[in-house]
C-alpha atoms as a PDB file:
ATOM      1  CA  MET A   1      29.745  16.148  18.540  1.00  0.00           C
ATOM      2  CA  ILE A   2      27.685  13.392  17.456  1.00  0.00           C
ATOM      3  CA  LYS A   3      27.746  12.233  13.686  1.00  0.00           C
ATOM      4  CA  VAL A   4      24.245  11.013  12.157  1.00  0.00           C
ATOM      5  CA  ASN A   5      23.484   9.337   8.750  1.00  0.00           C
ATOM      6  CA  VAL A   6      20.211  10.153   6.942  1.00  0.00           C
ATOM      7  CA  LEU A   7      19.462   7.397   4.929  1.00  0.00           C
ATOM      8  CA  GLY A   8      15.694   8.084   3.590  1.00  0.00           C
ATOM      9  CA  SER A   9      13.554  11.411   1.893  1.00  0.00           C
ATOM     10  CA  CYS A  10      12.647  14.977   3.648  1.00  0.00           C
ATOM     11  CA  VAL A  11      10.425  13.136   6.040  1.00  0.00           C
ATOM     12  CA  SER A  12      13.690  12.495   8.033  1.00  0.00           C
ATOM     13  CA  ARG A  13      15.839  15.360   6.171  1.00  0.00           C
ATOM     14  CA  VAL A  14      13.278  17.913   7.217  1.00  0.00           C
ATOM     15  CA  SER A  15      12.383  16.846  10.866  1.00  0.00           C
ATOM     16  CA  LEU A  16      16.449  16.655  11.258  1.00  0.00           C
ATOM     17  CA  LEU A  17      16.218  20.879  10.364  1.00  0.00           C
ATOM     18  CA  ASP A  18      13.184  21.072  13.156  1.00  0.00           C
ATOM     19  CA  GLY A  19      10.274  21.969  10.398  1.00  0.00           C
ATOM     20  CA  ILE A  20      12.529  24.083   8.073  1.00  0.00           C
ATOM     21  CA  THR A  21      11.853  23.423   4.649  1.00  0.00           C
ATOM     22  CA  TYR A  22      14.765  25.959   3.360  1.00  0.00           C
ATOM     23  CA  GLU A  23      17.921  25.248   4.883  1.00  0.00           C
ATOM     24  CA  THR A  24      20.293  21.930   4.994  1.00  0.00           C
ATOM     25  CA  GLY A  25      22.118  20.568   8.237  1.00  0.00           C
ATOM     26  CA  ILE A  26      20.672  19.529  11.376  1.00  0.00           C
ATOM     27  CA  ALA A  27      19.259  22.086  14.152  1.00  0.00           C
ATOM     28  CA  ASP A  28      20.909  20.735  16.992  1.00  0.00           C
ATOM     29  CA  ASP A  29      24.935  22.330  17.127  1.00  0.00           C
ATOM     30  CA  ARG A  30      25.275  18.773  19.267  1.00  0.00           C
ATOM     31  CA  LEU A  31      24.563  16.617  16.249  1.00  0.00           C
ATOM     32  CA  GLU A  32      26.344  16.729  12.864  1.00  0.00           C
ATOM     33  CA  ILE A  33      24.954  15.120   9.228  1.00  0.00           C
ATOM     34  CA  ALA A  34      27.505  12.616   8.127  1.00  0.00           C
ATOM     35  CA  TYR A  35      26.239  11.149   4.479  1.00  0.00           C
ATOM     36  CA  ASN A  36      22.484  12.478   3.638  1.00  0.00           C
ATOM     37  CA  LEU A  37      21.646   9.577   1.797  1.00  0.00           C
ATOM     38  CA  ASP A  38      18.371  11.140  -0.228  1.00  0.00           C
ATOM     39  CA  LYS A  39      15.689   8.314  -1.577  1.00  0.00           C
ATOM     40  CA  GLN A  40      17.884   5.774  -1.915  1.00  0.00           C
ATOM     41  CA  ASN A  41      15.736   2.710  -2.040  1.00  0.00           C
ATOM     42  CA  VAL A  42      16.915  -0.407   0.434  1.00  0.00           C
ATOM     43  CA  VAL A  43      15.704  -2.240  -2.513  1.00  0.00           C
ATOM     44  CA  CYS A  44      17.685  -1.291  -5.465  1.00  0.00           C
ATOM     45  CA  ALA A  45      20.681  -0.734  -3.188  1.00  0.00           C
ATOM     46  CA  THR A  46      21.710  -4.269  -3.213  1.00  0.00           C
ATOM     47  CA  TYR A  47      20.831  -4.534  -6.792  1.00  0.00           C
ATOM     48  CA  PRO A  48      23.976  -4.247  -9.112  1.00  0.00           C
ATOM     49  CA  PRO A  49      24.339  -1.141 -11.290  1.00  0.00           C
ATOM     50  CA  ALA A  50      22.501  -1.306 -14.698  1.00  0.00           C
ATOM     51  CA  PHE A  51      25.189   1.376 -15.898  1.00  0.00           C
ATOM     52  CA  THR A  52      28.926   1.909 -16.032  1.00  0.00           C
ATOM     53  CA  ARG A  53      30.574   4.125 -13.643  1.00  0.00           C
ATOM     54  CA  ASP A  54      31.698   6.141 -16.678  1.00  0.00           C
ATOM     55  CA  GLU A  55      28.383   6.631 -17.610  1.00  0.00           C
ATOM     56  CA  VAL A  56      27.422   7.603 -14.439  1.00  0.00           C
ATOM     57  CA  GLU A  57      29.439   9.443 -13.722  1.00  0.00           C
ATOM     58  CA  ASN A  58      29.555  11.874 -17.563  1.00  0.00           C
ATOM     59  CA  ILE A  59      26.052  12.811 -16.070  1.00  0.00           C
ATOM     60  CA  VAL A  60      25.024  15.500 -17.959  1.00  0.00           C
ATOM     61  CA  ASP A  61      22.761  18.027 -16.048  1.00  0.00           C
ATOM     62  CA  ILE A  62      19.863  18.920 -18.386  1.00  0.00           C
ATOM     63  CA  ASP A  63      17.032  20.157 -15.982  1.00  0.00           C
ATOM     64  CA  VAL A  64      18.011  19.257 -12.396  1.00  0.00           C
ATOM     65  CA  HIS A  65      19.369  22.667 -10.688  1.00  0.00           C
ATOM     66  CA  GLU A  66      20.525  21.434  -7.347  1.00  0.00           C
ATOM     67  CA  LYS A  67      24.208  20.023  -7.357  1.00  0.00           C
ATOM     68  CA  TYR A  68      23.106  18.141  -4.063  1.00  0.00           C
ATOM     69  CA  ALA A  69      20.076  16.076  -6.423  1.00  0.00           C
ATOM     70  CA  ILE A  70      22.582  14.720  -9.479  1.00  0.00           C
ATOM     71  CA  ARG A  71      25.259  13.705  -6.376  1.00  0.00           C
ATOM     72  CA  SER A  72      22.704  11.599  -4.571  1.00  0.00           C
ATOM     73  CA  LEU A  73      21.466   9.538  -8.268  1.00  0.00           C
ATOM     74  CA  GLN A  74      24.782   9.086  -8.619  1.00  0.00           C
ATOM     75  CA  GLN A  75      25.470   7.396  -5.552  1.00  0.00           C
ATOM     76  CA  ASN A  76      22.068   5.387  -6.506  1.00  0.00           C
ATOM     77  CA  LEU A  77      23.646   4.465  -9.155  1.00  0.00           C
ATOM     78  CA  ASN A  78      26.289   3.759  -8.676  1.00  0.00           C
ATOM     79  CA  LYS A  79      25.192   1.576  -5.422  1.00  0.00           C
ATOM     80  CA  ASP A  80      27.273   3.048  -3.134  1.00  0.00           C
ATOM     81  CA  THR A  81      24.214   3.625  -0.428  1.00  0.00           C
ATOM     82  CA  MET A  82      25.870   0.458   1.554  1.00  0.00           C
ATOM     83  CA  ASP A  83      29.741   0.851   0.842  1.00  0.00           C
ATOM     84  CA  LEU A  84      28.503   4.267   2.051  1.00  0.00           C
ATOM     85  CA  LEU A  85      27.229   3.259   5.355  1.00  0.00           C
ATOM     86  CA  ASN A  86      29.219   0.740   6.029  1.00  0.00           C
ATOM     87  CA  ASN A  87      33.057   3.286   6.360  1.00  0.00           C
ATOM     88  CA  SER A  88      30.685   6.375   7.503  1.00  0.00           C
ATOM     89  CA  ASP A  89      31.894   7.685  10.689  1.00  0.00           C
ATOM     90  CA  GLY A  90      28.140   8.561  11.563  1.00  0.00           C
ATOM     91  CA  GLU A  91      27.298   6.638  14.972  1.00  0.00           C
ATOM     92  CA  TYR A  92      23.755   6.530  14.101  1.00  0.00           C
ATOM     93  CA  VAL A  93      21.675   5.521  10.570  1.00  0.00           C
ATOM     94  CA  ILE A  94      17.859   7.264  10.823  1.00  0.00           C
ATOM     95  CA  THR A  95      16.399   6.145   8.006  1.00  0.00           C
ATOM     96  CA  ASP A  96      12.025   6.494   6.753  1.00  0.00           C
ATOM     97  CA  PHE A  97      10.506   4.022   3.986  1.00  0.00           C
ATOM     98  CA  MET A  98       8.872   6.699   1.988  1.00  0.00           C
ATOM     99  CA  ASP A  99      10.563   6.021  -0.869  1.00  0.00           C
ATOM    100  CA  MET A 100       8.650   2.522  -0.707  1.00  0.00           C
ATOM    101  CA  HIS A 101       5.842   4.469  -2.107  1.00  0.00           C
ATOM    102  CA  MET A 102       7.599   5.719  -4.988  1.00  0.00           C
ATOM    103  CA  ALA A 103       8.123   3.853  -8.488  1.00  0.00           C
ATOM    104  CA  HIS A 104      11.726   2.714  -9.271  1.00  0.00           C
ATOM    105  CA  ALA A 105      13.334   1.712 -12.608  1.00  0.00           C
ATOM    106  CA  LYS A 106      13.443  -1.954 -14.338  1.00  0.00           C
ATOM    107  CA  TYR A 107      16.382  -2.173 -16.565  1.00  0.00           C
ATOM    108  CA  ARG A 108      16.705  -5.686 -17.558  1.00  0.00           C
ATOM    109  CA  ASP A 109      17.977  -7.745 -14.575  1.00  0.00           C
ATOM    110  CA  THR A 110      18.307  -4.745 -12.028  1.00  0.00           C
ATOM    111  CA  TYR A 111      16.721  -2.265 -10.184  1.00  0.00           C
ATOM    112  CA  PHE A 112      17.903   1.872  -9.284  1.00  0.00           C
ATOM    113  CA  ALA A 113      16.465   4.774  -7.692  1.00  0.00           C
ATOM    114  CA  THR A 114      15.906   7.470 -10.192  1.00  0.00           C
ATOM    115  CA  GLN A 115      16.539   9.951  -7.826  1.00  0.00           C
ATOM    116  CA  ALA A 116      12.415  11.562  -7.695  1.00  0.00           C
ATOM    117  CA  LEU A 117      12.489  11.116 -11.532  1.00  0.00           C
ATOM    118  CA  GLU A 118      15.911  13.127 -11.615  1.00  0.00           C
ATOM    119  CA  PHE A 119      17.634  10.657 -13.495  1.00  0.00           C
ATOM    120  CA  TYR A 120      15.401  11.234 -16.540  1.00  0.00           C
ATOM    121  CA  ARG A 121      16.177  14.849 -16.625  1.00  0.00           C
ATOM    122  CA  THR A 122      19.801  13.673 -17.591  1.00  0.00           C
ATOM    123  CA  ASN A 123      21.944  12.999 -20.606  1.00  0.00           C
ATOM    124  CA  LEU A 124      21.633   8.912 -19.462  1.00  0.00           C
ATOM    125  CA  GLY A 125      18.038   9.053 -18.647  1.00  0.00           C
ATOM    126  CA  GLU A 126      17.405  10.608 -22.278  1.00  0.00           C
ATOM    127  CA  LYS A 127      19.656   8.023 -23.692  1.00  0.00           C
ATOM    128  CA  TYR A 128      17.459   4.909 -22.037  1.00  0.00           C
ATOM    129  CA  LYS A 129      14.442   5.563 -21.186  1.00  0.00           C
ATOM    130  CA  GLN A 130      12.434   4.204 -23.895  1.00  0.00           C
ATOM    131  CA  ASP A 131      14.022   0.504 -22.232  1.00  0.00           C
ATOM    132  CA  ILE A 132      13.426   1.367 -18.717  1.00  0.00           C
ATOM    133  CA  GLU A 133       9.677  -0.096 -16.442  1.00  0.00           C
ATOM    134  CA  MET A 134       8.643   1.847 -13.644  1.00  0.00           C
ATOM    135  CA  VAL A 135       7.927  -0.705 -10.395  1.00  0.00           C
ATOM    136  CA  ARG A 136       6.262   0.648  -6.826  1.00  0.00           C
ATOM    137  CA  PHE A 137       7.763  -2.938  -4.764  1.00  0.00           C
ATOM    138  CA  LEU A 138       4.795  -2.502  -2.623  1.00  0.00           C
ATOM    139  CA  GLU A 139       2.834  -3.207  -5.080  1.00  0.00           C
ATOM    140  CA  LEU A 140       4.036  -6.310  -5.830  1.00  0.00           C
ATOM    141  CA  PRO A 141       3.633  -9.882  -3.483  1.00  0.00           C
ATOM    142  CA  GLU A 142       6.585  -9.631  -0.726  1.00  0.00           C
ATOM    143  CA  GLU A 143       8.373 -12.430  -1.641  1.00  0.00           C
ATOM    144  CA  LYS A 144       9.845 -10.918  -4.934  1.00  0.00           C
ATOM    145  CA  TRP A 145      11.372  -8.016  -2.861  1.00  0.00           C
ATOM    146  CA  LEU A 146      10.981  -8.555   1.308  1.00  0.00           C
ATOM    147  CA  TYR A 147      14.568 -10.603   1.521  1.00  0.00           C
ATOM    148  CA  ARG A 148      16.434  -8.034  -0.388  1.00  0.00           C
ATOM    149  CA  VAL A 149      15.279  -5.488   2.605  1.00  0.00           C
ATOM    150  CA  ASP A 150      16.256  -8.089   4.396  1.00  0.00           C
ATOM    151  CA  GLN A 151      19.543  -8.629   3.017  1.00  0.00           C
ATOM    152  CA  PHE A 152      19.873  -4.942   2.778  1.00  0.00           C
ATOM    153  CA  TRP A 153      19.001  -4.111   7.002  1.00  0.00           C
ATOM    154  CA  ASP A 154      21.190  -7.582   8.029  1.00  0.00           C
ATOM    155  CA  GLU A 155      24.717  -6.147   6.216  1.00  0.00           C
ATOM    156  CA  MET A 156      24.565  -2.834   8.253  1.00  0.00           C
ATOM    157  CA  MET A 157      23.550  -4.302  11.982  1.00  0.00           C
ATOM    158  CA  GLU A 158      27.279  -5.668  11.493  1.00  0.00           C
ATOM    159  CA  LYS A 159      28.173  -1.829  11.768  1.00  0.00           C
ATOM    160  CA  TYR A 160      25.278  -0.779  13.586  1.00  0.00           C
ATOM    161  CA  ASP A 161      23.028  -2.501  15.941  1.00  0.00           C
ATOM    162  CA  GLY A 162      19.083  -1.530  16.546  1.00  0.00           C
ATOM    163  CA  ASP A 163      20.130   0.983  19.787  1.00  0.00           C
ATOM    164  CA  HIS A 164      21.766   2.880  16.434  1.00  0.00           C
ATOM    165  CA  ILE A 165      19.253   2.860  13.899  1.00  0.00           C
ATOM    166  CA  ILE A 166      16.087   5.268  14.358  1.00  0.00           C
ATOM    167  CA  LEU A 167      13.255   4.584  11.646  1.00  0.00           C
ATOM    168  CA  ASN A 168      10.866   7.216  11.676  1.00  0.00           C
ATOM    169  CA  ARG A 169       7.653   5.283  10.800  1.00  0.00           C
ATOM    170  CA  PHE A 170       6.296   6.873   7.510  1.00  0.00           C
ATOM    171  CA  ARG A 171       1.435   6.777   6.751  1.00  0.00           C
ATOM    172  CA  SER A 172       1.067   9.276   3.555  1.00  0.00           C
ATOM    173  CA  ASN A 173      -1.505  12.053   4.946  1.00  0.00           C
ATOM    174  CA  SER A 174      -4.630  12.499   2.900  1.00  0.00           C
ATOM    175  CA  TYR A 175      -5.491  15.768   4.533  1.00  0.00           C
ATOM    176  CA  TYR A 176      -4.283  19.442   4.937  1.00  0.00           C
ATOM    177  CA  LEU A 177      -4.867  22.208   6.541  1.00  0.00           C
ATOM    178  CA  ALA A 178      -5.265  25.288   3.743  1.00  0.00           C
ATOM    179  CA  THR A 179      -4.568  28.751   3.476  1.00  0.00           C
ATOM    180  CA  ASP A 180      -8.078  29.679   4.158  1.00  0.00           C
ATOM    181  CA  GLY A 181      -8.827  27.238   8.028  1.00  0.00           C
ATOM    182  CA  CYS A 182     -10.445  24.590   6.212  1.00  0.00           C
ATOM    183  CA  VAL A 183      -9.445  21.076   6.262  1.00  0.00           C
ATOM    184  CA  ARG A 184      -8.870  19.438   2.824  1.00  0.00           C
ATOM    185  CA  GLU A 185      -8.498  16.818   1.252  1.00  0.00           C
ATOM    186  CA  ILE A 186      -4.756  16.416  -1.214  1.00  0.00           C
ATOM    187  CA  PRO A 187      -5.557  17.416  -4.584  1.00  0.00           C
ATOM    188  CA  TRP A 188      -4.667  13.612  -5.601  1.00  0.00           C
ATOM    189  CA  ASP A 189      -4.604  14.344  -9.655  1.00  0.00           C
ATOM    190  CA  ARG A 190      -1.649  16.995  -9.010  1.00  0.00           C
ATOM    191  CA  PHE A 191       0.225  14.643  -6.500  1.00  0.00           C
ATOM    192  CA  ASN A 192      -0.524  11.246  -7.690  1.00  0.00           C
ATOM    193  CA  GLY A 193       2.363  10.733  -9.734  1.00  0.00           C
ATOM    194  CA  PRO A 194       4.851   8.150  -9.746  1.00  0.00           C
ATOM    195  CA  SER A 195       7.577  10.092  -7.218  1.00  0.00           C
ATOM    196  CA  HIS A 196       4.607  10.304  -5.398  1.00  0.00           C
ATOM    197  CA  PRO A 197       3.791   8.966  -1.670  1.00  0.00           C
ATOM    198  CA  ILE A 198      -0.063   7.352  -1.913  1.00  0.00           C
ATOM    199  CA  PRO A 199      -2.452   6.132   0.843  1.00  0.00           C
ATOM    200  CA  GLU A 200      -3.070   3.404  -0.366  1.00  0.00           C
ATOM    201  CA  LEU A 201       0.492   1.766   0.121  1.00  0.00           C
ATOM    202  CA  ASN A 202       0.674   2.953   4.043  1.00  0.00           C
ATOM    203  CA  GLU A 203      -0.821  -0.705   5.226  1.00  0.00           C
ATOM    204  CA  ALA A 204       1.237  -2.379   2.965  1.00  0.00           C
ATOM    205  CA  THR A 205       4.277   0.476   4.782  1.00  0.00           C
ATOM    206  CA  ARG A 206       3.190  -0.559   8.022  1.00  0.00           C
ATOM    207  CA  ARG A 207       3.273  -4.419   7.820  1.00  0.00           C
ATOM    208  CA  LEU A 208       7.414  -3.243   6.227  1.00  0.00           C
ATOM    209  CA  GLU A 209       8.186  -1.321   9.270  1.00  0.00           C
ATOM    210  CA  ASP A 210       6.635  -3.127  11.516  1.00  0.00           C
ATOM    211  CA  HIS A 211       8.948  -6.228  10.058  1.00  0.00           C
ATOM    212  CA  ILE A 212      11.925  -4.034  10.702  1.00  0.00           C
ATOM    213  CA  ILE A 213      10.925  -3.839  14.071  1.00  0.00           C
ATOM    214  CA  GLU A 214      10.383  -7.322  15.098  1.00  0.00           C
ATOM    215  CA  ARG A 215      13.843  -8.279  13.448  1.00  0.00           C
ATOM    216  CA  TYR A 216      16.288  -5.859  14.404  1.00  0.00           C
ATOM    217  CA  ASN A 217      14.454  -3.941  17.160  1.00  0.00           C
ATOM    218  CA  PRO A 218      15.631  -0.156  16.050  1.00  0.00           C
ATOM    219  CA  TRP A 219      14.200   2.799  18.010  1.00  0.00           C
ATOM    220  CA  VAL A 220      10.817   3.811  16.606  1.00  0.00           C
ATOM    221  CA  ILE A 221       9.218   7.391  15.858  1.00  0.00           C
ATOM    222  CA  ASP A 222       5.685   6.674  14.860  1.00  0.00           C
ATOM    223  CA  LEU A 223       4.630  10.408  14.769  1.00  0.00           C
ATOM    224  CA  SER A 224       3.111  11.451  11.288  1.00  0.00           C
ATOM    225  CA  LYS A 225      -0.755   8.868  11.526  1.00  0.00           C
ATOM    226  CA  TYR A 226      -1.169  11.705  13.656  1.00  0.00           C
ATOM    227  CA  PHE A 227      -0.992  14.353  11.377  1.00  0.00           C
ATOM    228  CA  MET A 228      -1.971  16.130   8.374  1.00  0.00           C
ATOM    229  CA  GLY A 229      -0.808  18.848   5.902  1.00  0.00           C
ATOM    230  CA  ASP A 230      -0.466  22.193   5.675  1.00  0.00           C
ATOM    231  CA  GLU A 231      -0.607  24.734   3.051  1.00  0.00           C
ATOM    232  CA  ASN A 232       0.647  27.568   5.000  1.00  0.00           C
ATOM    233  CA  VAL A 233       4.056  26.009   5.508  1.00  0.00           C
ATOM    234  CA  TRP A 234       4.551  23.582   1.457  1.00  0.00           C
ATOM    235  CA  GLU A 235       2.939  24.376  -1.752  1.00  0.00           C
ATOM    236  CA  ASN A 236       3.758  21.020  -2.871  1.00  0.00           C
ATOM    237  CA  LEU A 237       0.834  18.786  -1.072  1.00  0.00           C
ATOM    238  CA  GLN A 238       1.827  15.651  -1.450  1.00  0.00           C
ATOM    239  CA  GLY A 239       1.550  13.365   0.926  1.00  0.00           C
ATOM    240  CA  ALA A 240       4.927  13.099   2.262  1.00  0.00           C
ATOM    241  CA  HIS A 241       5.229  16.732   2.982  1.00  0.00           C
ATOM    242  CA  PHE A 242       3.432  17.280   7.005  1.00  0.00           C
ATOM    243  CA  GLU A 243       2.525  20.649   9.121  1.00  0.00           C
ATOM    244  CA  ARG A 244       5.513  22.228  10.727  1.00  0.00           C
ATOM    245  CA  GLU A 245       4.649  20.573  14.351  1.00  0.00           C
ATOM    246  CA  PHE A 246       5.367  17.031  12.993  1.00  0.00           C
ATOM    247  CA  TYR A 247       9.434  17.591  11.932  1.00  0.00           C
ATOM    248  CA  ARG A 248       9.880  19.364  15.548  1.00  0.00           C
ATOM    249  CA  GLU A 249       8.180  16.541  17.563  1.00  0.00           C
ATOM    250  CA  THR A 250      10.260  14.147  15.793  1.00  0.00           C
ATOM    251  CA  MET A 251      13.120  16.142  16.299  1.00  0.00           C
ATOM    252  CA  ASP A 252      12.894  16.439  19.718  1.00  0.00           C
ATOM    253  CA  ALA A 253      12.089  12.295  19.660  1.00  0.00           C
ATOM    254  CA  VAL A 254      15.484  11.811  17.751  1.00  0.00           C
ATOM    255  CA  ARG A 255      17.159  14.759  20.353  1.00  0.00           C
ATOM    256  CA  GLU A 256      16.231  12.807  23.283  1.00  0.00           C
ATOM    257  CA  ILE A 257      17.003   9.201  21.661  1.00  0.00           C
ATOM    258  CA  ILE A 258      20.570  10.086  20.956  1.00  0.00           C
ATOM    259  CA  PHE A 259      21.076  12.181  24.147  1.00  0.00           C
ATOM    260  CA  GLN A 260      18.069  11.096  26.684  1.00  0.00           C
ATOM    261  CA  ASP A 261      18.790  13.693  28.696  1.00  0.00           C
ATOM    262  CA  GLY A 262      15.908  15.923  28.395  1.00  0.00           C
ATOM    263  CA  SER A 263      16.300  18.251  26.030  1.00  0.00           C
ATOM    264  CA  GLY A 264      14.237  16.126  24.292  1.00  0.00           C
ATOM    265  CA  ASN A 265      10.445  18.386  26.212  1.00  0.00           C
ATOM    266  CA  TRP A 266       8.743  14.864  26.452  1.00  0.00           C
ATOM    267  CA  GLY A 267       7.969  15.362  29.885  1.00  0.00           C
ATOM    268  CA  ALA A 268       6.562  12.694  32.969  1.00  0.00           C
ATOM    269  CA  LYS A 269       6.391  10.274  29.448  1.00  0.00           C
ATOM    270  CA  THR A 270      10.142  10.255  28.693  1.00  0.00           C
ATOM    271  CA  ASP A 271      11.333   6.942  30.628  1.00  0.00           C
ATOM    272  CA  GLU A 272       8.531   4.857  29.442  1.00  0.00           C
ATOM    273  CA  MET A 273       9.489   6.050  25.689  1.00  0.00           C
ATOM    274  CA  LEU A 274      13.408   5.372  26.644  1.00  0.00           C
ATOM    275  CA  LEU A 275      12.013   1.761  28.340  1.00  0.00           C
ATOM    276  CA  ASN A 276      10.478   0.587  25.184  1.00  0.00           C
ATOM    277  CA  LYS A 277      11.811   2.741  22.126  1.00  0.00           C
ATOM    278  CA  ARG A 278       8.747   4.125  20.667  1.00  0.00           C
ATOM    279  CA  PHE A 279       8.573   7.751  20.415  1.00  0.00           C
ATOM    280  CA  ASP A 280       4.601   7.580  19.474  1.00  0.00           C
ATOM    281  CA  LYS A 281       2.685  10.315  21.458  1.00  0.00           C
ATOM    282  CA  PRO A 282       2.434  13.348  20.027  1.00  0.00           C
ATOM    283  CA  ARG A 283       1.973  16.646  22.691  1.00  0.00           C
ATOM    284  CA  PHE A 284      -1.056  18.064  21.913  1.00  0.00           C
ATOM    285  CA  PHE A 285      -2.961  19.920  23.792  1.00  0.00           C
ATOM    286  CA  GLN A 286       0.525  21.533  25.873  1.00  0.00           C
ATOM    287  CA  GLU A 287      -0.100  24.983  26.090  1.00  0.00           C
ATOM    288  CA  ASP A 288       4.200  25.219  26.323  1.00  0.00           C
ATOM    289  CA  ARG A 289       4.812  24.222  22.969  1.00  0.00           C
ATOM    290  CA  ARG A 290       5.579  26.523  20.239  1.00  0.00           C
ATOM    291  CA  ILE A 291       3.179  26.005  17.995  1.00  0.00           C
ATOM    292  CA  PHE A 292       0.476  27.179  20.394  1.00  0.00           C
ATOM    293  CA  GLN A 293       1.102  30.830  19.869  1.00  0.00           C
ATOM    294  CA  GLU A 294       2.059  30.261  16.365  1.00  0.00           C
ATOM    295  CA  GLU A 295      -0.990  28.072  15.207  1.00  0.00           C
ATOM    296  CA  LEU A 296      -2.943  31.265  15.955  1.00  0.00           C
ATOM    297  CA  ASP A 297      -1.262  33.294  13.471  1.00  0.00           C
ATOM    298  CA  TYR A 298      -3.067  30.481  10.599  1.00  0.00           C
ATOM    299  CA  LYS A 299      -6.967  30.381  10.102  1.00  0.00           C
ATOM    300  CA  LEU A 300      -8.746  27.529  11.407  1.00  0.00           C
ATOM    301  CA  ASP A 301     -12.619  27.418   9.565  1.00  0.00           C
ATOM    302  CA  MET A 302     -14.696  26.253  12.978  1.00  0.00           C
ATOM    303  CA  ASP A 303     -17.094  24.927  11.083  1.00  0.00           C
ATOM    304  CA  SER A 304     -14.696  22.916   8.631  1.00  0.00           C
ATOM    305  CA  ALA A 305     -13.007  21.450  11.402  1.00  0.00           C
ATOM    306  CA  CYS A 306     -16.263  19.832  13.058  1.00  0.00           C
ATOM    307  CA  ILE A 307     -16.943  18.661   9.713  1.00  0.00           C
ATOM    308  CA  SER A 308     -13.187  17.201   9.831  1.00  0.00           C
ATOM    309  CA  LEU A 309     -13.500  15.646  13.290  1.00  0.00           C
ATOM    310  CA  ASN A 310     -16.775  13.836  13.203  1.00  0.00           C
ATOM    311  CA  LYS A 311     -15.635  12.320   9.772  1.00  0.00           C
ATOM    312  CA  PHE A 312     -12.117  11.334  11.199  1.00  0.00           C
ATOM    313  CA  LYS A 313     -13.477   9.708  14.523  1.00  0.00           C
ATOM    314  CA  GLU A 314     -16.058   8.227  12.669  1.00  0.00           C
ATOM    315  CA  GLU A 315     -12.732   6.894  10.313  1.00  0.00           C
ATOM    316  CA  GLY A 316     -11.281   5.766  13.031  1.00  0.00           C
ATOM    317  CA  ASP A 317      -8.471   8.497  12.072  1.00  0.00           C
ATOM    318  CA  LEU A 318      -5.903   9.414  14.667  1.00  0.00           C
ATOM    319  CA  LEU A 319      -6.602  12.930  12.661  1.00  0.00           C
ATOM    320  CA  TRP A 320      -9.662  13.140  14.692  1.00  0.00           C
ATOM    321  CA  ILE A 321      -7.049  14.145  17.877  1.00  0.00           C
ATOM    322  CA  ASN A 322      -5.350  16.647  15.892  1.00  0.00           C
ATOM    323  CA  VAL A 323      -8.285  18.239  14.439  1.00  0.00           C
ATOM    324  CA  LEU A 324      -9.232  18.873  18.455  1.00  0.00           C
ATOM    325  CA  ASP A 325      -5.902  20.139  19.098  1.00  0.00           C
ATOM    326  CA  LYS A 326      -5.776  23.280  16.621  1.00  0.00           C
ATOM    327  CA  MET A 327      -9.564  23.749  17.650  1.00  0.00           C
ATOM    328  CA  TYR A 328      -8.308  23.615  21.695  1.00  0.00           C
ATOM    329  CA  MET A 329      -5.788  25.904  20.482  1.00  0.00           C
ATOM    330  CA  HIS A 330      -7.594  28.293  18.704  1.00  0.00           C
ATOM    331  CA  ARG A 331     -11.518  28.952  19.898  1.00  0.00           C
ATOM    332  CA  GLN A 332     -10.757  27.951  23.641  1.00  0.00           C
ATOM    333  CA  ASP A 333     -14.502  29.667  24.169  1.00  0.00           C
ATOM    334  CA  ASP A 334     -16.230  28.340  21.991  1.00  0.00           C
ATOM    335  CA  TYR A 335     -19.413  26.222  22.800  1.00  0.00           C
ATOM    336  CA  ARG A 336     -18.474  23.544  19.755  1.00  0.00           C
ATOM    337  CA  VAL A 337     -15.275  23.240  20.948  1.00  0.00           C
ATOM    338  CA  LEU A 338     -16.574  22.807  24.475  1.00  0.00           C
ATOM    339  CA  GLU A 339     -18.560  20.288  23.523  1.00  0.00           C
ATOM    340  CA  TYR A 340     -16.374  18.509  21.668  1.00  0.00           C
ATOM    341  CA  ILE A 341     -14.048  19.261  24.294  1.00  0.00           C
ATOM    342  CA  HIS A 342     -16.230  17.326  27.375  1.00  0.00           C
ATOM    343  CA  ARG A 343     -16.679  14.554  24.804  1.00  0.00           C
ATOM    344  CA  TYR A 344     -13.410  13.783  23.492  1.00  0.00           C
ATOM    345  CA  MET A 345     -10.796  15.056  25.949  1.00  0.00           C
ATOM    346  CA  ASP A 346     -10.158  11.860  27.989  1.00  0.00           C
ATOM    347  CA  GLU A 347     -10.542  10.107  24.588  1.00  0.00           C
ATOM    348  CA  ALA A 348      -7.690  11.982  23.710  1.00  0.00           C
ATOM    349  CA  LYS A 349      -5.546  12.349  26.434  1.00  0.00           C
ATOM    350  CA  GLY A 350      -5.904   8.162  27.087  1.00  0.00           C
ATOM    351  CA  ILE A 351      -4.486   7.891  23.711  1.00  0.00           C
ATOM    352  CA  LEU A 352      -1.470   9.906  24.220  1.00  0.00           C
END
């Protein structure tokens, strides 16, 4: 049994569940979670606590219904993240930077993560809310916070080397497959709050991830840029919620990184990916995927798909390959699908 720590968000947590959004643990009997440190921002983790430990331990749940959320919030507020990882018996750290999109709390001379705003639904949050301002680090100059990222990971590297850190790169998605089969833009009037990721920060996130990759040489999973959201899977259509195939592909990459036994089902590309420490090519157009049959249970509006593919292709957005894959699964006999396959399949496979 190999234990892993999760330092990240649902982007990584749901991946370890093979895309099942309502369970806990890991969808592989060979793996076990040591610590699941949910939405615990690495910049905030390097600052001193804002409140006394007694105040934090005596938090009263006003409107937080899940015990793990209170526990994670207390870990955030007590600044336990680094100590927990340093003393963990987990061999790997799986991390993502979705939380860098979120607004964090500034109180006096320190910062803390609010566990996706659960903090404000507690008695402690109610007491101090007038003295707190919200800040997104990625909207600030890098010199104000990047050294704190290095401080965090420099310490982690004393326990975990680059071969035991898995960076799950994150791109906030902007589109989703609706239940009526149309590809639509996320309704930002509903999903653009301080606890939601926003596409405007994708470029800054990528620069941060590039910095981490250059400085620490972790394993890299870079698949989110190929995937959109899915109303068939999520009611909450915010930018960190993806279609199920993203999580499955990510989980298979984690299996391959840790076990290197072919269990990730990446085929002939496995050796190259292991050599480069980079899993960045989804298995689109492969008919042995589970999704190939499951996708047929979902609707796909072909007119919407054609419009979306052309739009994404023109904008240089890799989602065009995703849409072509969906068209290929649904209607291989449709003349429009045949035309797009003839025109773009070689280019798509060249990227993959």
